[in-house]
């Protein structure tokens, strides 16, 4: 996206580039930074099963759960990502398992359930 935006900017003639104010250029750069930050947060999301714990990274937040804390894993029809039910009565999203991945996500949920159960 950054490459396309930069190439598009460079393709503009100099008189078109001159029409953009400093504020407009800054706004475009800020929107690009926000888009990159959101993309990076989604890319780093993951669910990692280790021998003694389950590590869930959602965006910029990392949480570690002992296996006894995790009661169930769900991926409802049409859900954007999986969720985990915890022993304290709460649930947490597991964005590393994306519902849009279809069969791959269902396989990941089955594998996670086998480790929980």
C-alpha atoms as a PDB file:
ATOM      1  CA  UNK A   1       0.000   0.000   0.000  1.00  0.00           C
ATOM      2  CA  UNK A   2       2.844   2.361   0.833  1.00  0.00           C
ATOM      3  CA  UNK A   3       4.557   1.559  -2.462  1.00  0.00           C
ATOM      4  CA  UNK A   4       1.367   2.173  -4.446  1.00  0.00           C
ATOM      5  CA  UNK A   5       0.714   5.468  -2.652  1.00  0.00           C
ATOM      6  CA  UNK A   6       4.299   6.620  -3.199  1.00  0.00           C
ATOM      7  CA  UNK A   7       4.252   5.619  -6.872  1.00  0.00           C
ATOM      8  CA  UNK A   8       0.931   7.415  -7.342  1.00  0.00           C
ATOM      9  CA  UNK A   9       2.328  10.563  -5.752  1.00  0.00           C
ATOM     10  CA  UNK A  10       5.414  10.437  -7.931  1.00  0.00           C
ATOM     11  CA  UNK A  11       3.221   9.998 -11.036  1.00  0.00           C
ATOM     12  CA  UNK A  12       1.459  13.298 -10.378  1.00  0.00           C
ATOM     13  CA  UNK A  13       2.862  16.221 -12.379  1.00  0.00           C
ATOM     14  CA  UNK A  14       4.680  18.883 -10.348  1.00  0.00           C
ATOM     15  CA  UNK A  15       1.809  21.378 -10.691  1.00  0.00           C
ATOM     16  CA  UNK A  16      -0.647  18.854  -9.183  1.00  0.00           C
ATOM     17  CA  UNK A  17       1.741  18.068  -6.324  1.00  0.00           C
ATOM     18  CA  UNK A  18       2.093  21.812  -5.639  1.00  0.00           C
ATOM     19  CA  UNK A  19      -1.673  22.122  -5.088  1.00  0.00           C
ATOM     20  CA  UNK A  20      -1.466  20.005  -1.918  1.00  0.00           C
ATOM     21  CA  UNK A  21      -0.965  22.015   1.281  1.00  0.00           C
ATOM     22  CA  UNK A  22       1.355  20.921   4.063  1.00  0.00           C
ATOM     23  CA  UNK A  23      -1.705  20.069   6.164  1.00  0.00           C
ATOM     24  CA  UNK A  24      -3.122  17.835   3.406  1.00  0.00           C
ATOM     25  CA  UNK A  25       0.195  16.045   2.987  1.00  0.00           C
ATOM     26  CA  UNK A  26       0.411  15.543   6.762  1.00  0.00           C
ATOM     27  CA  UNK A  27      -3.141  14.196   6.848  1.00  0.00           C
ATOM     28  CA  UNK A  28      -2.358  11.634   4.156  1.00  0.00           C
ATOM     29  CA  UNK A  29       0.795  10.573   6.011  1.00  0.00           C
ATOM     30  CA  UNK A  30      -1.129  10.287   9.303  1.00  0.00           C
ATOM     31  CA  UNK A  31      -3.841   8.161   7.678  1.00  0.00           C
ATOM     32  CA  UNK A  32      -1.132   5.961   6.188  1.00  0.00           C
ATOM     33  CA  UNK A  33       0.471   5.553   9.612  1.00  0.00           C
ATOM     34  CA  UNK A  34      -2.886   4.572  11.152  1.00  0.00           C
ATOM     35  CA  UNK A  35      -3.551   2.053   8.364  1.00  0.00           C
ATOM     36  CA  UNK A  36      -0.063   0.573   8.770  1.00  0.00           C
ATOM     37  CA  UNK A  37      -0.496   0.303  12.548  1.00  0.00           C
ATOM     38  CA  UNK A  38      -3.832  -1.516  12.158  1.00  0.00           C
ATOM     39  CA  UNK A  39      -2.352  -3.850   9.544  1.00  0.00           C
ATOM     40  CA  UNK A  40       0.659  -4.604  11.731  1.00  0.00           C
ATOM     41  CA  UNK A  41      -1.574  -5.345  14.742  1.00  0.00           C
ATOM     42  CA  UNK A  42      -3.571  -7.873  12.711  1.00  0.00           C
ATOM     43  CA  UNK A  43      -0.468  -9.466  11.231  1.00  0.00           C
ATOM     44  CA  UNK A  44       1.158 -10.078  14.603  1.00  0.00           C
ATOM     45  CA  UNK A  45      -1.988 -11.684  16.099  1.00  0.00           C
ATOM     46  CA  UNK A  46      -1.458 -15.363  16.860  1.00  0.00           C
ATOM     47  CA  UNK A  47      -2.334 -18.279  19.111  1.00  0.00           C
ATOM     48  CA  UNK A  48       0.582 -20.461  20.196  1.00  0.00           C
ATOM     49  CA  UNK A  49       0.131 -23.680  22.156  1.00  0.00           C
ATOM     50  CA  UNK A  50       3.129 -24.468  24.346  1.00  0.00           C
ATOM     51  CA  UNK A  51       3.559 -27.444  26.646  1.00  0.00           C
ATOM     52  CA  UNK A  52       2.702 -25.523  29.822  1.00  0.00           C
ATOM     53  CA  UNK A  53       0.605 -22.603  28.542  1.00  0.00           C
ATOM     54  CA  UNK A  54      -1.389 -21.016  25.732  1.00  0.00           C
ATOM     55  CA  UNK A  55      -0.058 -17.736  24.385  1.00  0.00           C
ATOM     56  CA  UNK A  56      -2.564 -15.387  22.734  1.00  0.00           C
ATOM     57  CA  UNK A  57      -1.363 -12.245  20.989  1.00  0.00           C
ATOM     58  CA  UNK A  58      -4.138  -9.884  19.879  1.00  0.00           C
ATOM     59  CA  UNK A  59      -2.758  -6.808  18.212  1.00  0.00           C
ATOM     60  CA  UNK A  60      -0.322  -5.294  20.677  1.00  0.00           C
ATOM     61  CA  UNK A  61      -1.499  -7.236  23.742  1.00  0.00           C
ATOM     62  CA  UNK A  62       0.062 -10.548  24.740  1.00  0.00           C
ATOM     63  CA  UNK A  63      -1.637 -12.831  27.244  1.00  0.00           C
ATOM     64  CA  UNK A  64      -0.466 -16.155  28.605  1.00  0.00           C
ATOM     65  CA  UNK A  65      -2.861 -18.688  30.080  1.00  0.00           C
ATOM     66  CA  UNK A  66      -2.131 -21.852  32.001  1.00  0.00           C
ATOM     67  CA  UNK A  67      -3.945 -24.770  30.367  1.00  0.00           C
ATOM     68  CA  UNK A  68      -6.186 -25.133  33.431  1.00  0.00           C
ATOM     69  CA  UNK A  69      -7.461 -21.568  32.865  1.00  0.00           C
ATOM     70  CA  UNK A  70      -8.790 -22.295  29.366  1.00  0.00           C
ATOM     71  CA  UNK A  71     -12.102 -24.169  29.399  1.00  0.00           C
ATOM     72  CA  UNK A  72     -13.192 -24.028  25.754  1.00  0.00           C
ATOM     73  CA  UNK A  73     -12.474 -22.580  22.317  1.00  0.00           C
ATOM     74  CA  UNK A  74     -15.233 -21.417  19.951  1.00  0.00           C
ATOM     75  CA  UNK A  75     -15.444 -20.246  16.377  1.00  0.00           C
ATOM     76  CA  UNK A  76     -19.068 -19.498  15.627  1.00  0.00           C
ATOM     77  CA  UNK A  77     -20.495 -19.428  12.115  1.00  0.00           C
ATOM     78  CA  UNK A  78     -19.758 -15.992  10.694  1.00  0.00           C
ATOM     79  CA  UNK A  79     -17.534 -15.015  13.638  1.00  0.00           C
ATOM     80  CA  UNK A  80     -14.522 -12.919  12.633  1.00  0.00           C
ATOM     81  CA  UNK A  81     -12.205 -14.841  14.972  1.00  0.00           C
ATOM     82  CA  UNK A  82     -12.161 -17.485  17.680  1.00  0.00           C
ATOM     83  CA  UNK A  83     -12.888 -16.886  21.338  1.00  0.00           C
ATOM     84  CA  UNK A  84     -11.676 -18.646  24.462  1.00  0.00           C
ATOM     85  CA  UNK A  85     -13.780 -19.273  27.571  1.00  0.00           C
ATOM     86  CA  UNK A  86     -11.742 -18.928  30.759  1.00  0.00           C
ATOM     87  CA  UNK A  87     -12.154 -20.470  34.198  1.00  0.00           C
ATOM     88  CA  UNK A  88     -12.835 -17.057  35.779  1.00  0.00           C
ATOM     89  CA  UNK A  89     -16.045 -16.719  33.740  1.00  0.00           C
ATOM     90  CA  UNK A  90     -14.659 -14.334  31.132  1.00  0.00           C
ATOM     91  CA  UNK A  91     -13.876 -14.887  27.499  1.00  0.00           C
ATOM     92  CA  UNK A  92     -11.099 -13.472  25.359  1.00  0.00           C
ATOM     93  CA  UNK A  93     -10.834 -13.155  21.598  1.00  0.00           C
ATOM     94  CA  UNK A  94      -8.181 -15.209  19.818  1.00  0.00           C
ATOM     95  CA  UNK A  95      -7.623 -13.112  16.710  1.00  0.00           C
ATOM     96  CA  UNK A  96      -4.876 -15.442  15.517  1.00  0.00           C
ATOM     97  CA  UNK A  97      -7.576 -17.859  14.347  1.00  0.00           C
ATOM     98  CA  UNK A  98      -9.516 -15.942  11.708  1.00  0.00           C
ATOM     99  CA  UNK A  99     -12.954 -17.195  10.700  1.00  0.00           C
ATOM    100  CA  UNK A 100     -12.314 -16.068   7.134  1.00  0.00           C
ATOM    101  CA  UNK A 101      -9.604 -18.738   6.853  1.00  0.00           C
ATOM    102  CA  UNK A 102     -12.360 -21.355   6.488  1.00  0.00           C
ATOM    103  CA  UNK A 103     -11.091 -24.941   6.724  1.00  0.00           C
ATOM    104  CA  UNK A 104      -7.753 -23.833   8.136  1.00  0.00           C
ATOM    105  CA  UNK A 105      -9.493 -22.044  11.013  1.00  0.00           C
ATOM    106  CA  UNK A 106     -11.751 -25.028  11.713  1.00  0.00           C
ATOM    107  CA  UNK A 107      -8.689 -27.296  11.813  1.00  0.00           C
ATOM    108  CA  UNK A 108      -6.934 -24.920  14.210  1.00  0.00           C
ATOM    109  CA  UNK A 109      -9.984 -24.877  16.503  1.00  0.00           C
ATOM    110  CA  UNK A 110     -10.181 -28.690  16.504  1.00  0.00           C
ATOM    111  CA  UNK A 111      -6.483 -28.928  17.373  1.00  0.00           C
ATOM    112  CA  UNK A 112      -6.842 -26.342  20.133  1.00  0.00           C
ATOM    113  CA  UNK A 113      -9.884 -28.137  21.573  1.00  0.00           C
ATOM    114  CA  UNK A 114      -7.948 -31.412  21.665  1.00  0.00           C
ATOM    115  CA  UNK A 115      -5.250 -29.707  23.739  1.00  0.00           C
ATOM    116  CA  UNK A 116      -7.788 -28.116  26.077  1.00  0.00           C
ATOM    117  CA  UNK A 117      -9.882 -31.221  26.594  1.00  0.00           C
END
